[in-house]
Structure formats: C-alpha cells, structure tokens
N, C-alpha and C. Protein backbone atom coordinates (compact mmCIF):
# COMPACT_ATOMS: atom_id res chain seq x y z
N MET A 1 -8.87 -86.57 7.62
CA MET A 1 -7.54 -86.76 7.17
C MET A 1 -7.63 -88.14 6.37
N GLY A 2 -6.89 -88.09 5.24
CA GLY A 2 -6.90 -89.30 4.39
C GLY A 2 -5.92 -90.36 4.97
N TYR A 3 -6.16 -91.57 4.57
CA TYR A 3 -5.35 -92.72 5.06
C TYR A 3 -3.88 -92.55 4.69
N TRP A 4 -3.65 -92.13 3.48
CA TRP A 4 -2.21 -91.98 3.00
C TRP A 4 -1.51 -90.78 3.72
N LYS A 5 -2.32 -89.82 4.07
CA LYS A 5 -1.69 -88.65 4.78
C LYS A 5 -1.35 -89.11 6.17
N GLU A 6 -2.12 -89.96 6.79
CA GLU A 6 -1.79 -90.46 8.12
C GLU A 6 -0.56 -91.36 8.07
N VAL A 7 -0.50 -92.17 7.05
CA VAL A 7 0.66 -93.09 6.86
C VAL A 7 1.91 -92.23 6.70
N ARG A 8 1.82 -91.19 5.87
CA ARG A 8 3.03 -90.31 5.69
C ARG A 8 3.43 -89.64 7.03
N GLU A 9 2.49 -89.18 7.81
CA GLU A 9 2.79 -88.56 9.09
C GLU A 9 3.42 -89.55 10.05
N VAL A 10 2.86 -90.77 10.12
CA VAL A 10 3.49 -91.82 10.99
C VAL A 10 4.91 -92.15 10.56
N LEU A 11 5.09 -92.31 9.26
CA LEU A 11 6.38 -92.63 8.70
C LEU A 11 7.39 -91.43 8.98
N GLY A 12 6.82 -90.26 8.79
CA GLY A 12 7.71 -89.03 9.05
C GLY A 12 8.19 -89.03 10.52
N LYS A 13 7.23 -89.33 11.42
CA LYS A 13 7.59 -89.37 12.84
C LYS A 13 8.64 -90.46 13.09
N GLY A 14 8.42 -91.62 12.51
CA GLY A 14 9.28 -92.77 12.68
C GLY A 14 10.74 -92.41 12.16
N VAL A 15 10.78 -91.75 11.02
CA VAL A 15 12.06 -91.36 10.44
C VAL A 15 12.74 -90.34 11.36
N HIS A 16 11.92 -89.35 11.81
CA HIS A 16 12.46 -88.30 12.67
C HIS A 16 13.01 -88.97 14.01
N LEU A 17 12.29 -89.93 14.55
CA LEU A 17 12.72 -90.58 15.81
C LEU A 17 13.98 -91.41 15.54
N ALA A 18 14.00 -92.08 14.36
CA ALA A 18 15.17 -92.88 14.01
C ALA A 18 16.42 -92.01 13.86
N ALA A 19 16.23 -90.82 13.21
CA ALA A 19 17.32 -89.88 12.98
C ALA A 19 17.83 -89.37 14.34
N GLU A 20 16.96 -89.11 15.28
CA GLU A 20 17.35 -88.63 16.61
C GLU A 20 18.15 -89.77 17.31
N GLY A 21 17.65 -90.96 17.19
CA GLY A 21 18.33 -92.14 17.81
C GLY A 21 19.73 -92.30 17.24
N ILE A 22 19.85 -92.17 15.91
CA ILE A 22 21.12 -92.30 15.29
C ILE A 22 22.08 -91.21 15.74
N LYS A 23 21.55 -90.01 15.87
CA LYS A 23 22.35 -88.85 16.30
C LYS A 23 22.85 -89.09 17.70
N GLU A 24 21.95 -89.55 18.59
CA GLU A 24 22.35 -89.76 20.00
C GLU A 24 23.35 -90.90 20.07
N GLY A 25 23.10 -91.94 19.26
CA GLY A 25 24.05 -93.07 19.21
C GLY A 25 25.47 -92.65 18.74
N ALA A 26 25.44 -91.80 17.74
CA ALA A 26 26.69 -91.33 17.17
C ALA A 26 27.43 -90.44 18.15
N GLU A 27 26.69 -89.65 18.93
CA GLU A 27 27.28 -88.82 19.98
C GLU A 27 27.90 -89.72 21.10
N GLY A 28 27.22 -90.78 21.38
CA GLY A 28 27.64 -91.73 22.41
C GLY A 28 28.93 -92.46 21.92
N VAL A 29 28.96 -92.85 20.67
CA VAL A 29 30.10 -93.49 20.07
C VAL A 29 31.25 -92.53 20.05
N LYS A 30 30.97 -91.29 19.67
CA LYS A 30 32.01 -90.29 19.59
C LYS A 30 32.63 -90.05 20.99
N GLY A 31 31.78 -89.97 22.05
CA GLY A 31 32.25 -89.84 23.42
C GLY A 31 33.09 -91.01 23.84
N GLY A 32 32.59 -92.23 23.52
CA GLY A 32 33.35 -93.43 23.85
C GLY A 32 34.70 -93.48 23.12
N ALA A 33 34.71 -93.08 21.82
CA ALA A 33 35.91 -93.05 21.08
C ALA A 33 36.91 -92.08 21.63
N GLU A 34 36.39 -90.96 22.09
CA GLU A 34 37.28 -89.97 22.72
C GLU A 34 37.84 -90.51 24.01
N SER A 35 37.04 -91.20 24.74
CA SER A 35 37.49 -91.79 25.98
C SER A 35 38.58 -92.84 25.74
N VAL A 36 38.37 -93.67 24.76
CA VAL A 36 39.29 -94.71 24.41
C VAL A 36 40.64 -94.11 23.92
N PHE A 37 40.49 -93.05 23.11
CA PHE A 37 41.62 -92.29 22.60
C PHE A 37 42.40 -91.69 23.71
N GLU A 38 41.79 -91.07 24.68
CA GLU A 38 42.47 -90.48 25.83
C GLU A 38 43.22 -91.57 26.68
N LYS A 39 42.51 -92.70 26.88
CA LYS A 39 43.17 -93.76 27.65
C LYS A 39 44.36 -94.33 26.91
N THR A 40 44.29 -94.48 25.59
CA THR A 40 45.32 -94.97 24.75
C THR A 40 46.48 -93.98 24.76
N LYS A 41 46.17 -92.72 24.69
CA LYS A 41 47.18 -91.68 24.68
C LYS A 41 47.92 -91.69 26.01
N ASP A 42 47.14 -91.84 27.17
CA ASP A 42 47.73 -91.92 28.47
C ASP A 42 48.64 -93.17 28.63
N SER A 43 48.14 -94.25 28.12
CA SER A 43 48.93 -95.52 28.18
C SER A 43 50.24 -95.40 27.41
N MET A 44 50.18 -94.73 26.25
CA MET A 44 51.38 -94.58 25.45
C MET A 44 52.35 -93.66 26.13
N ALA A 45 51.87 -92.56 26.76
CA ALA A 45 52.70 -91.66 27.46
C ALA A 45 53.38 -92.37 28.65
N LEU A 46 52.61 -93.17 29.36
CA LEU A 46 53.23 -93.91 30.48
C LEU A 46 54.22 -94.98 30.01
N ALA A 47 53.96 -95.59 28.91
CA ALA A 47 54.90 -96.56 28.36
C ALA A 47 56.22 -95.80 27.94
N LYS A 48 56.09 -94.67 27.39
CA LYS A 48 57.27 -93.88 26.97
C LYS A 48 58.05 -93.47 28.21
N LEU A 49 57.40 -93.07 29.27
CA LEU A 49 58.09 -92.72 30.49
C LEU A 49 58.83 -93.91 31.05
N ASN A 50 58.20 -95.08 31.05
CA ASN A 50 58.81 -96.30 31.58
C ASN A 50 60.03 -96.65 30.73
N LYS A 51 59.90 -96.54 29.37
CA LYS A 51 61.02 -96.81 28.48
C LYS A 51 62.14 -95.82 28.73
N ASP A 52 61.82 -94.55 28.90
CA ASP A 52 62.87 -93.55 29.17
C ASP A 52 63.59 -93.89 30.48
N LEU A 53 62.81 -94.27 31.50
CA LEU A 53 63.39 -94.61 32.81
C LEU A 53 64.33 -95.82 32.66
N LYS A 54 63.90 -96.83 31.94
CA LYS A 54 64.77 -97.99 31.77
C LYS A 54 66.01 -97.65 31.08
N SER A 55 65.92 -96.82 30.04
CA SER A 55 67.09 -96.35 29.28
C SER A 55 68.04 -95.57 30.19
N MET A 56 67.45 -94.66 30.98
CA MET A 56 68.27 -93.85 31.87
C MET A 56 68.92 -94.71 32.93
N GLN A 57 68.24 -95.66 33.44
CA GLN A 57 68.83 -96.58 34.42
C GLN A 57 70.02 -97.35 33.86
N GLU A 58 69.93 -97.79 32.57
CA GLU A 58 71.02 -98.44 31.92
C GLU A 58 72.21 -97.55 31.75
N GLU A 59 71.94 -96.29 31.33
CA GLU A 59 73.02 -95.22 31.24
C GLU A 59 73.64 -95.07 32.61
N TYR A 60 72.88 -94.96 33.65
CA TYR A 60 73.34 -94.74 34.98
C TYR A 60 74.28 -95.92 35.39
N GLN A 61 73.86 -97.14 35.11
CA GLN A 61 74.67 -98.26 35.50
C GLN A 61 76.00 -98.29 34.72
N GLU A 62 75.98 -97.90 33.44
CA GLU A 62 77.18 -97.90 32.61
C GLU A 62 78.09 -96.80 33.15
N THR A 63 77.57 -95.65 33.57
CA THR A 63 78.36 -94.56 34.03
C THR A 63 78.99 -94.97 35.42
N ILE A 64 78.23 -95.66 36.25
CA ILE A 64 78.79 -96.12 37.54
C ILE A 64 79.87 -97.12 37.34
N ALA A 65 79.74 -98.03 36.35
CA ALA A 65 80.79 -98.99 36.03
C ALA A 65 82.04 -98.28 35.54
N GLU A 66 81.87 -97.33 34.65
CA GLU A 66 83.02 -96.54 34.18
C GLU A 66 83.68 -95.78 35.34
N PHE A 67 82.91 -95.20 36.19
CA PHE A 67 83.43 -94.53 37.35
C PHE A 67 84.20 -95.42 38.27
N GLY A 68 83.69 -96.64 38.50
CA GLY A 68 84.32 -97.65 39.33
C GLY A 68 85.68 -98.07 38.72
N ASP A 69 85.63 -98.31 37.36
CA ASP A 69 86.88 -98.67 36.69
C ASP A 69 87.92 -97.61 36.89
N ASP A 70 87.61 -96.36 36.71
CA ASP A 70 88.57 -95.29 36.86
C ASP A 70 89.13 -95.22 38.26
N ILE A 71 88.23 -95.33 39.24
CA ILE A 71 88.65 -95.29 40.66
C ILE A 71 89.58 -96.42 40.95
N TYR A 72 89.26 -97.61 40.44
CA TYR A 72 90.10 -98.80 40.73
C TYR A 72 91.47 -98.63 40.09
N ASP A 73 91.51 -98.15 38.83
CA ASP A 73 92.79 -97.90 38.17
C ASP A 73 93.66 -96.94 38.97
N LEU A 74 93.03 -95.85 39.36
CA LEU A 74 93.79 -94.86 40.18
C LEU A 74 94.22 -95.38 41.51
N TYR A 75 93.44 -96.17 42.11
CA TYR A 75 93.76 -96.76 43.43
C TYR A 75 94.93 -97.74 43.31
N THR A 76 94.93 -98.56 42.26
CA THR A 76 96.02 -99.50 42.08
C THR A 76 97.33 -98.80 41.74
N LYS A 77 97.22 -97.64 41.16
CA LYS A 77 98.45 -96.86 40.79
C LYS A 77 98.84 -95.92 41.92
N LYS A 78 98.13 -96.04 43.04
CA LYS A 78 98.38 -95.23 44.24
C LYS A 78 98.31 -93.73 44.02
N LYS A 79 97.35 -93.36 43.13
CA LYS A 79 97.12 -91.90 42.87
C LYS A 79 95.99 -91.40 43.66
N ASP A 80 95.98 -90.07 43.88
CA ASP A 80 94.93 -89.41 44.62
C ASP A 80 93.71 -89.27 43.73
N VAL A 81 92.70 -89.95 44.05
CA VAL A 81 91.48 -90.01 43.16
C VAL A 81 90.76 -88.62 43.16
N TYR A 82 90.98 -87.82 44.16
CA TYR A 82 90.34 -86.46 44.22
C TYR A 82 90.99 -85.45 43.35
N GLU A 83 92.21 -85.75 42.83
CA GLU A 83 92.91 -84.80 42.03
C GLU A 83 92.72 -85.00 40.52
N VAL A 84 92.13 -86.11 40.17
CA VAL A 84 92.02 -86.44 38.71
C VAL A 84 90.73 -85.88 38.21
N GLU A 85 90.81 -85.16 37.11
CA GLU A 85 89.67 -84.46 36.51
C GLU A 85 88.61 -85.45 36.02
N SER A 86 89.04 -86.55 35.47
CA SER A 86 88.12 -87.50 34.88
C SER A 86 87.15 -88.04 35.99
N VAL A 87 87.76 -88.23 37.20
CA VAL A 87 86.87 -88.74 38.30
C VAL A 87 85.87 -87.68 38.69
N LYS A 88 86.24 -86.40 38.76
CA LYS A 88 85.34 -85.33 39.04
C LYS A 88 84.19 -85.30 38.00
N SER A 89 84.58 -85.39 36.75
CA SER A 89 83.53 -85.30 35.70
C SER A 89 82.61 -86.52 35.70
N LEU A 90 83.17 -87.71 35.97
CA LEU A 90 82.37 -88.92 36.08
C LEU A 90 81.43 -88.88 37.31
N ALA A 91 81.95 -88.31 38.38
CA ALA A 91 81.10 -88.18 39.60
C ALA A 91 79.93 -87.29 39.31
N ALA A 92 80.22 -86.23 38.58
CA ALA A 92 79.10 -85.26 38.26
C ALA A 92 78.11 -85.95 37.29
N LYS A 93 78.66 -86.77 36.37
CA LYS A 93 77.80 -87.46 35.39
C LYS A 93 76.90 -88.44 36.13
N VAL A 94 77.51 -89.22 37.11
CA VAL A 94 76.69 -90.18 37.84
C VAL A 94 75.55 -89.44 38.57
N SER A 95 75.90 -88.32 39.24
CA SER A 95 74.90 -87.54 39.98
C SER A 95 73.84 -87.06 39.05
N GLU A 96 74.18 -86.61 37.87
CA GLU A 96 73.18 -86.13 36.89
C GLU A 96 72.24 -87.28 36.45
N LYS A 97 72.79 -88.43 36.16
CA LYS A 97 71.99 -89.60 35.73
C LYS A 97 71.03 -90.02 36.90
N GLU A 98 71.57 -90.01 38.09
CA GLU A 98 70.74 -90.36 39.27
C GLU A 98 69.55 -89.39 39.40
N LYS A 99 69.79 -88.11 39.27
CA LYS A 99 68.76 -87.07 39.38
C LYS A 99 67.70 -87.32 38.25
N GLU A 100 68.14 -87.60 37.07
CA GLU A 100 67.19 -87.85 35.97
C GLU A 100 66.36 -89.07 36.21
N CYS A 101 66.92 -90.13 36.74
CA CYS A 101 66.20 -91.30 37.07
C CYS A 101 65.10 -91.05 38.16
N LYS A 102 65.48 -90.27 39.14
CA LYS A 102 64.55 -89.89 40.21
C LYS A 102 63.41 -89.02 39.65
N ARG A 103 63.74 -88.10 38.74
CA ARG A 103 62.74 -87.25 38.07
C ARG A 103 61.69 -88.08 37.33
N LEU A 104 62.28 -89.01 36.53
CA LEU A 104 61.37 -89.94 35.81
C LEU A 104 60.51 -90.81 36.70
N GLU A 105 61.14 -91.31 37.77
CA GLU A 105 60.30 -92.12 38.69
C GLU A 105 59.22 -91.29 39.34
N THR A 106 59.50 -90.09 39.73
CA THR A 106 58.47 -89.16 40.26
C THR A 106 57.39 -88.85 39.30
N GLU A 107 57.76 -88.64 37.98
CA GLU A 107 56.80 -88.38 36.96
C GLU A 107 55.87 -89.58 36.77
N ILE A 108 56.43 -90.74 36.80
CA ILE A 108 55.61 -92.01 36.62
C ILE A 108 54.68 -92.10 37.80
N LYS A 109 55.13 -91.85 38.99
CA LYS A 109 54.25 -91.97 40.19
C LYS A 109 53.13 -90.95 40.08
N ASN A 110 53.41 -89.78 39.71
CA ASN A 110 52.38 -88.72 39.56
C ASN A 110 51.44 -89.04 38.44
N PHE A 111 51.94 -89.74 37.36
CA PHE A 111 51.09 -90.15 36.31
C PHE A 111 50.13 -91.21 36.78
N ASP A 112 50.64 -92.14 37.57
CA ASP A 112 49.76 -93.25 38.04
C ASP A 112 48.72 -92.69 39.00
N LYS A 113 49.04 -91.68 39.78
CA LYS A 113 48.07 -91.07 40.73
C LYS A 113 46.97 -90.41 39.93
N LYS A 114 47.33 -89.77 38.81
CA LYS A 114 46.40 -89.04 37.97
C LYS A 114 45.39 -89.96 37.36
N SER A 115 45.88 -91.15 36.99
CA SER A 115 45.04 -92.13 36.18
C SER A 115 43.96 -92.73 37.07
C-alpha cells in the first residue's frame, strides 16, 4: 500500500470518528436542551398556577369584604339577613371562590410532588 493511500485511510477514519463524536455530542445537547425546555415549561406552569391562586385569593378577599359590608348594613337596619337575595348570592360567590382557591392549592401541591 502506498504512503498517500495510508494517509487517506487514516484521515478518513479520523473524519469518520469526528463525525460520530459530533453526532453523539449533538444528541447529548439535544437531550439536554429538551430537559431544560421541560424544566422551563414546568416552571412556567407552576408560576402561572401561583399567579392564578394569588389572583383568586384577592377576588376571594374582595368578595368577603363585600359580603361583610352587606351583612353589616342589613344588621344595622335590623333586617333579616337570611331573607335578602344579595346575601344569598354573595354567600354562594364566597363559597365558589373558596373552592377555586382550594382547587388551585391542591393543583400546586400535586405539581410540586410531581417535580
């Protein structure tokens, strides 16, 4: 075998090994990028849940304040609070907001366990 033929074979093997290394490195980078993407996606989902919970808690507090104001007004006027429709609807609204807050809290706890 001639010298230049041997050089060509050695270079060919080197190029082939380098291409395999690049391919393996690219697959590793791709896997790492996918992992980072999934973690980022999970972090964003958790942040959204926390934001939704905070927002719902604020709505809950506003509804309770409104409910308290109505009850106080009715009490000072010596009216039966159980007969007024606005009190019934506000009580239902408070209950609904409370359930939504609990649902979001449970979802956040389950999300934390999953991570």
